[in-house]
Amino acid sequence: MSAEDRAKATAKNIEGKAQEALGNITGDPEDKAEGKAKQAEGQTRHAAEDVKDEVKKNL
């Protein structure tokens, strides 16, 4: 996984956690849902890059 892709995925995860926390504080269910979605996107990006790395390793 490139360092840039890993940083982007981590940033998306952190952004999602912050937005979810804001939603919890303000009681806004939309912010909570969007935050969770961003976290899932970050995790998906990490998983995709892990698969790419594994394929490259096995070639």
PDB file of N, CA and C in Angstrom:
ATOM      1  N   MET A   1       0.850  -1.174   0.000  1.00  0.00           N
ATOM      2  CA  MET A   1       0.000   0.000   0.000  1.00  0.00           C
ATOM      3  C   MET A   1       0.884   1.221   0.000  1.00  0.00           C
ATOM      4  N   SER A   2       0.556   2.129  -0.866  1.00  0.00           N
ATOM      5  CA  SER A   2       1.353   3.347  -0.887  1.00  0.00           C
ATOM      6  C   SER A   2       1.057   4.174   0.363  1.00  0.00           C
ATOM      7  N   ALA A   3       2.038   4.904   0.771  1.00  0.00           N
ATOM      8  CA  ALA A   3       1.884   5.728   1.969  1.00  0.00           C
ATOM      9  C   ALA A   3       0.785   6.765   1.780  1.00  0.00           C
ATOM     10  N   GLU A   4       0.667   7.277   0.573  1.00  0.00           N
ATOM     11  CA  GLU A   4      -0.363   8.281   0.305  1.00  0.00           C
ATOM     12  C   GLU A   4      -1.771   7.683   0.427  1.00  0.00           C
ATOM     13  N   ASP A   5      -1.971   6.489  -0.113  1.00  0.00           N
ATOM     14  CA  ASP A   5      -3.282   5.843  -0.029  1.00  0.00           C
ATOM     15  C   ASP A   5      -3.623   5.493   1.417  1.00  0.00           C
ATOM     16  N   ARG A   6      -2.628   5.020   2.154  1.00  0.00           N
ATOM     17  CA  ARG A   6      -2.848   4.683   3.556  1.00  0.00           C
ATOM     18  C   ARG A   6      -3.210   5.947   4.345  1.00  0.00           C
ATOM     19  N   ALA A   7      -2.537   7.052   4.067  1.00  0.00           N
ATOM     20  CA  ALA A   7      -2.824   8.306   4.762  1.00  0.00           C
ATOM     21  C   ALA A   7      -4.230   8.801   4.438  1.00  0.00           C
ATOM     22  N   LYS A   8      -4.636   8.676   3.185  1.00  0.00           N
ATOM     23  CA  LYS A   8      -5.984   9.096   2.794  1.00  0.00           C
ATOM     24  C   LYS A   8      -7.049   8.257   3.490  1.00  0.00           C
ATOM     25  N   ALA A   9      -6.829   6.953   3.549  1.00  0.00           N
ATOM     26  CA  ALA A   9      -7.790   6.066   4.207  1.00  0.00           C
ATOM     27  C   ALA A   9      -7.871   6.365   5.703  1.00  0.00           C
ATOM     28  N   THR A  10      -6.728   6.613   6.322  1.00  0.00           N
ATOM     29  CA  THR A  10      -6.704   6.938   7.744  1.00  0.00           C
ATOM     30  C   THR A  10      -7.376   8.278   8.002  1.00  0.00           C
ATOM     31  N   ALA A  11      -7.132   9.241   7.134  1.00  0.00           N
ATOM     32  CA  ALA A  11      -7.763  10.558   7.281  1.00  0.00           C
ATOM     33  C   ALA A  11      -9.277  10.443   7.162  1.00  0.00           C
ATOM     34  N   LYS A  12      -9.753   9.624   6.235  1.00  0.00           N
ATOM     35  CA  LYS A  12     -11.194   9.433   6.061  1.00  0.00           C
ATOM     36  C   LYS A  12     -11.791   8.799   7.315  1.00  0.00           C
ATOM     37  N   ASN A  13     -11.077   7.856   7.899  1.00  0.00           N
ATOM     38  CA  ASN A  13     -11.540   7.200   9.120  1.00  0.00           C
ATOM     39  C   ASN A  13     -11.613   8.204  10.274  1.00  0.00           C
ATOM     40  N   ILE A  14     -10.581   9.021  10.422  1.00  0.00           N
ATOM     41  CA  ILE A  14     -10.557  10.026  11.487  1.00  0.00           C
ATOM     42  C   ILE A  14     -11.662  11.052  11.274  1.00  0.00           C
ATOM     43  N   GLU A  15     -11.833  11.477  10.034  1.00  0.00           N
ATOM     44  CA  GLU A  15     -12.899  12.431   9.711  1.00  0.00           C
ATOM     45  C   GLU A  15     -14.258  11.844  10.100  1.00  0.00           C
ATOM     46  N   GLY A  16     -14.453  10.583   9.804  1.00  0.00           N
ATOM     47  CA  GLY A  16     -15.707   9.922  10.147  1.00  0.00           C
ATOM     48  C   GLY A  16     -15.935   9.827  11.638  1.00  0.00           C
ATOM     49  N   LYS A  17     -14.872   9.512  12.374  1.00  0.00           N
ATOM     50  CA  LYS A  17     -14.995   9.435  13.833  1.00  0.00           C
ATOM     51  C   LYS A  17     -15.360  10.788  14.419  1.00  0.00           C
ATOM     52  N   ALA A  18     -14.740  11.842  13.894  1.00  0.00           N
ATOM     53  CA  ALA A  18     -15.031  13.190  14.385  1.00  0.00           C
ATOM     54  C   ALA A  18     -16.471  13.577  14.073  1.00  0.00           C
ATOM     55  N   GLN A  19     -16.920  13.269  12.875  1.00  0.00           N
ATOM     56  CA  GLN A  19     -18.286  13.624  12.496  1.00  0.00           C
ATOM     57  C   GLN A  19     -19.301  12.821  13.313  1.00  0.00           C
ATOM     58  N   GLU A  20     -18.997  11.557  13.560  1.00  0.00           N
ATOM     59  CA  GLU A  20     -19.898  10.748  14.384  1.00  0.00           C
ATOM     60  C   GLU A  20     -19.964  11.301  15.806  1.00  0.00           C
ATOM     61  N   ALA A  21     -18.815  11.689  16.350  1.00  0.00           N
ATOM     62  CA  ALA A  21     -18.782  12.261  17.692  1.00  0.00           C
ATOM     63  C   ALA A  21     -19.578  13.561  17.753  1.00  0.00           C
ATOM     64  N   LEU A  22     -19.440  14.388  16.722  1.00  0.00           N
ATOM     65  CA  LEU A  22     -20.209  15.631  16.658  1.00  0.00           C
ATOM     66  C   LEU A  22     -21.702  15.321  16.629  1.00  0.00           C
ATOM     67  N   GLY A  23     -22.073  14.332  15.865  1.00  0.00           N
ATOM     68  CA  GLY A  23     -23.475  13.922  15.812  1.00  0.00           C
ATOM     69  C   GLY A  23     -23.980  13.435  17.156  1.00  0.00           C
ATOM     70  N   ASN A  24     -23.127  12.739  17.893  1.00  0.00           N
ATOM     71  CA  ASN A  24     -23.507  12.288  19.232  1.00  0.00           C
ATOM     72  C   ASN A  24     -23.704  13.468  20.176  1.00  0.00           C
ATOM     73  N   ILE A  25     -22.828  14.451  20.066  1.00  0.00           N
ATOM     74  CA  ILE A  25     -22.905  15.623  20.941  1.00  0.00           C
ATOM     75  C   ILE A  25     -24.137  16.465  20.623  1.00  0.00           C
ATOM     76  N   THR A  26     -24.366  16.687  19.337  1.00  0.00           N
ATOM     77  CA  THR A  26     -25.476  17.552  18.933  1.00  0.00           C
ATOM     78  C   THR A  26     -26.804  16.800  18.825  1.00  0.00           C
ATOM     79  N   GLY A  27     -26.743  15.476  18.835  1.00  0.00           N
ATOM     80  CA  GLY A  27     -27.950  14.681  18.690  1.00  0.00           C
ATOM     81  C   GLY A  27     -28.447  14.607  17.258  1.00  0.00           C
ATOM     82  N   ASP A  28     -27.575  14.892  16.319  1.00  0.00           N
ATOM     83  CA  ASP A  28     -27.943  14.878  14.892  1.00  0.00           C
ATOM     84  C   ASP A  28     -27.698  13.482  14.310  1.00  0.00           C
ATOM     85  N   PRO A  29     -28.766  12.742  14.045  1.00  0.00           N
ATOM     86  CA  PRO A  29     -28.581  11.381  13.524  1.00  0.00           C
ATOM     87  C   PRO A  29     -27.953  11.354  12.128  1.00  0.00           C
ATOM     88  N   GLU A  30     -28.155  12.421  11.348  1.00  0.00           N
ATOM     89  CA  GLU A  30     -27.560  12.474  10.009  1.00  0.00           C
ATOM     90  C   GLU A  30     -26.036  12.553  10.096  1.00  0.00           C
ATOM     91  N   ASP A  31     -25.527  13.385  10.997  1.00  0.00           N
ATOM     92  CA  ASP A  31     -24.074  13.473  11.190  1.00  0.00           C
ATOM     93  C   ASP A  31     -23.512  12.143  11.676  1.00  0.00           C
ATOM     94  N   LYS A  32     -24.211  11.490  12.581  1.00  0.00           N
ATOM     95  CA  LYS A  32     -23.745  10.194  13.077  1.00  0.00           C
ATOM     96  C   LYS A  32     -23.672   9.183  11.933  1.00  0.00           C
ATOM     97  N   ALA A  33     -24.711   9.145  11.117  1.00  0.00           N
ATOM     98  CA  ALA A  33     -24.748   8.186  10.006  1.00  0.00           C
ATOM     99  C   ALA A  33     -23.655   8.486   8.980  1.00  0.00           C
ATOM    100  N   GLU A  34     -23.476   9.761   8.647  1.00  0.00           N
ATOM    101  CA  GLU A  34     -22.424  10.128   7.684  1.00  0.00           C
ATOM    102  C   GLU A  34     -21.044   9.791   8.244  1.00  0.00           C
ATOM    103  N   GLY A  35     -20.859  10.011   9.538  1.00  0.00           N
ATOM    104  CA  GLY A  35     -19.584   9.685  10.166  1.00  0.00           C
ATOM    105  C   GLY A  35     -19.286   8.195  10.094  1.00  0.00           C
ATOM    106  N   LYS A  36     -20.294   7.390  10.369  1.00  0.00           N
ATOM    107  CA  LYS A  36     -20.105   5.941  10.291  1.00  0.00           C
ATOM    108  C   LYS A  36     -19.819   5.507   8.853  1.00  0.00           C
ATOM    109  N   ALA A  37     -20.483   6.152   7.898  1.00  0.00           N
ATOM    110  CA  ALA A  37     -20.248   5.820   6.488  1.00  0.00           C
ATOM    111  C   ALA A  37     -18.814   6.159   6.080  1.00  0.00           C
ATOM    112  N   LYS A  38     -18.307   7.289   6.544  1.00  0.00           N
ATOM    113  CA  LYS A  38     -16.923   7.672   6.219  1.00  0.00           C
ATOM    114  C   LYS A  38     -15.936   6.697   6.843  1.00  0.00           C
ATOM    115  N   GLN A  39     -16.236   6.236   8.046  1.00  0.00           N
ATOM    116  CA  GLN A  39     -15.357   5.253   8.679  1.00  0.00           C
ATOM    117  C   GLN A  39     -15.349   3.954   7.877  1.00  0.00           C
ATOM    118  N   ALA A  40     -16.516   3.541   7.423  1.00  0.00           N
ATOM    119  CA  ALA A  40     -16.600   2.330   6.618  1.00  0.00           C
ATOM    120  C   ALA A  40     -15.833   2.500   5.308  1.00  0.00           C
ATOM    121  N   GLU A  41     -15.917   3.693   4.716  1.00  0.00           N
ATOM    122  CA  GLU A  41     -15.174   3.956   3.482  1.00  0.00           C
ATOM    123  C   GLU A  41     -13.670   3.850   3.731  1.00  0.00           C
ATOM    124  N   GLY A  42     -13.209   4.395   4.839  1.00  0.00           N
ATOM    125  CA  GLY A  42     -11.787   4.312   5.175  1.00  0.00           C
ATOM    126  C   GLY A  42     -11.342   2.873   5.363  1.00  0.00           C
ATOM    127  N   GLN A  43     -12.167   2.080   6.026  1.00  0.00           N
ATOM    128  CA  GLN A  43     -11.826   0.675   6.239  1.00  0.00           C
ATOM    129  C   GLN A  43     -11.816  -0.093   4.920  1.00  0.00           C
ATOM    130  N   THR A  44     -12.752   0.245   4.038  1.00  0.00           N
ATOM    131  CA  THR A  44     -12.805  -0.399   2.725  1.00  0.00           C
ATOM    132  C   THR A  44     -11.568  -0.069   1.907  1.00  0.00           C
ATOM    133  N   ARG A  45     -11.140   1.187   1.969  1.00  0.00           N
ATOM    134  CA  ARG A  45      -9.926   1.584   1.247  1.00  0.00           C
ATOM    135  C   ARG A  45      -8.711   0.813   1.766  1.00  0.00           C
ATOM    136  N   HIS A  46      -8.620   0.661   3.089  1.00  0.00           N
ATOM    137  CA  HIS A  46      -7.511  -0.106   3.666  1.00  0.00           C
ATOM    138  C   HIS A  46      -7.556  -1.550   3.168  1.00  0.00           C
ATOM    139  N   ALA A  47      -8.735  -2.142   3.186  1.00  0.00           N
ATOM    140  CA  ALA A  47      -8.871  -3.536   2.752  1.00  0.00           C
ATOM    141  C   ALA A  47      -8.493  -3.692   1.283  1.00  0.00           C
ATOM    142  N   ALA A  48      -8.917  -2.758   0.454  1.00  0.00           N
ATOM    143  CA  ALA A  48      -8.581  -2.833  -0.972  1.00  0.00           C
ATOM    144  C   ALA A  48      -7.079  -2.734  -1.189  1.00  0.00           C
ATOM    145  N   GLU A  49      -6.439  -1.858  -0.474  1.00  0.00           N
ATOM    146  CA  GLU A  49      -4.993  -1.711  -0.617  1.00  0.00           C
ATOM    147  C   GLU A  49      -4.266  -2.948  -0.084  1.00  0.00           C
ATOM    148  N   ASP A  50      -4.804  -3.563   0.966  1.00  0.00           N
ATOM    149  CA  ASP A  50      -4.207  -4.796   1.474  1.00  0.00           C
ATOM    150  C   ASP A  50      -4.277  -5.900   0.432  1.00  0.00           C
ATOM    151  N   VAL A  51      -5.399  -5.975  -0.280  1.00  0.00           N
ATOM    152  CA  VAL A  51      -5.546  -6.974  -1.342  1.00  0.00           C
ATOM    153  C   VAL A  51      -4.540  -6.699  -2.455  1.00  0.00           C
ATOM    154  N   LYS A  52      -4.406  -5.441  -2.845  1.00  0.00           N
ATOM    155  CA  LYS A  52      -3.427  -5.084  -3.881  1.00  0.00           C
ATOM    156  C   LYS A  52      -2.017  -5.493  -3.466  1.00  0.00           C
ATOM    157  N   ASP A  53      -1.679  -5.212  -2.214  1.00  0.00           N
ATOM    158  CA  ASP A  53      -0.350  -5.570  -1.713  1.00  0.00           C
ATOM    159  C   ASP A  53      -0.136  -7.075  -1.748  1.00  0.00           C
ATOM    160  N   GLU A  54      -1.165  -7.817  -1.381  1.00  0.00           N
ATOM    161  CA  GLU A  54      -1.051  -9.280  -1.356  1.00  0.00           C
ATOM    162  C   GLU A  54      -0.875  -9.827  -2.781  1.00  0.00           C
ATOM    163  N   VAL A  55      -1.588  -9.274  -3.738  1.00  0.00           N
ATOM    164  CA  VAL A  55      -1.457  -9.698  -5.131  1.00  0.00           C
ATOM    165  C   VAL A  55      -0.051  -9.409  -5.639  1.00  0.00           C
ATOM    166  N   LYS A  56       0.439  -8.211  -5.367  1.00  0.00           N
ATOM    167  CA  LYS A  56       1.789  -7.839  -5.795  1.00  0.00           C
ATOM    168  C   LYS A  56       2.835  -8.775  -5.178  1.00  0.00           C
ATOM    169  N   LYS A  57       2.612  -9.117  -3.920  1.00  0.00           N
ATOM    170  CA  LYS A  57       3.550  -9.994  -3.222  1.00  0.00           C
ATOM    171  C   LYS A  57       3.590 -11.384  -3.837  1.00  0.00           C
ATOM    172  N   ASN A  58       2.446 -11.845  -4.309  1.00  0.00           N
ATOM    173  CA  ASN A  58       2.359 -13.202  -4.863  1.00  0.00           C
ATOM    174  C   ASN A  58       2.724 -13.294  -6.327  1.00  0.00           C
ATOM    175  N   LEU A  59       2.966 -12.167  -6.979  1.00  0.00           N
ATOM    176  CA  LEU A  59       3.328 -12.212  -8.396  1.00  0.00           C
ATOM    177  C   LEU A  59       4.788 -12.461  -8.601  1.00  0.00           C
TER     178      LEU A  59
END
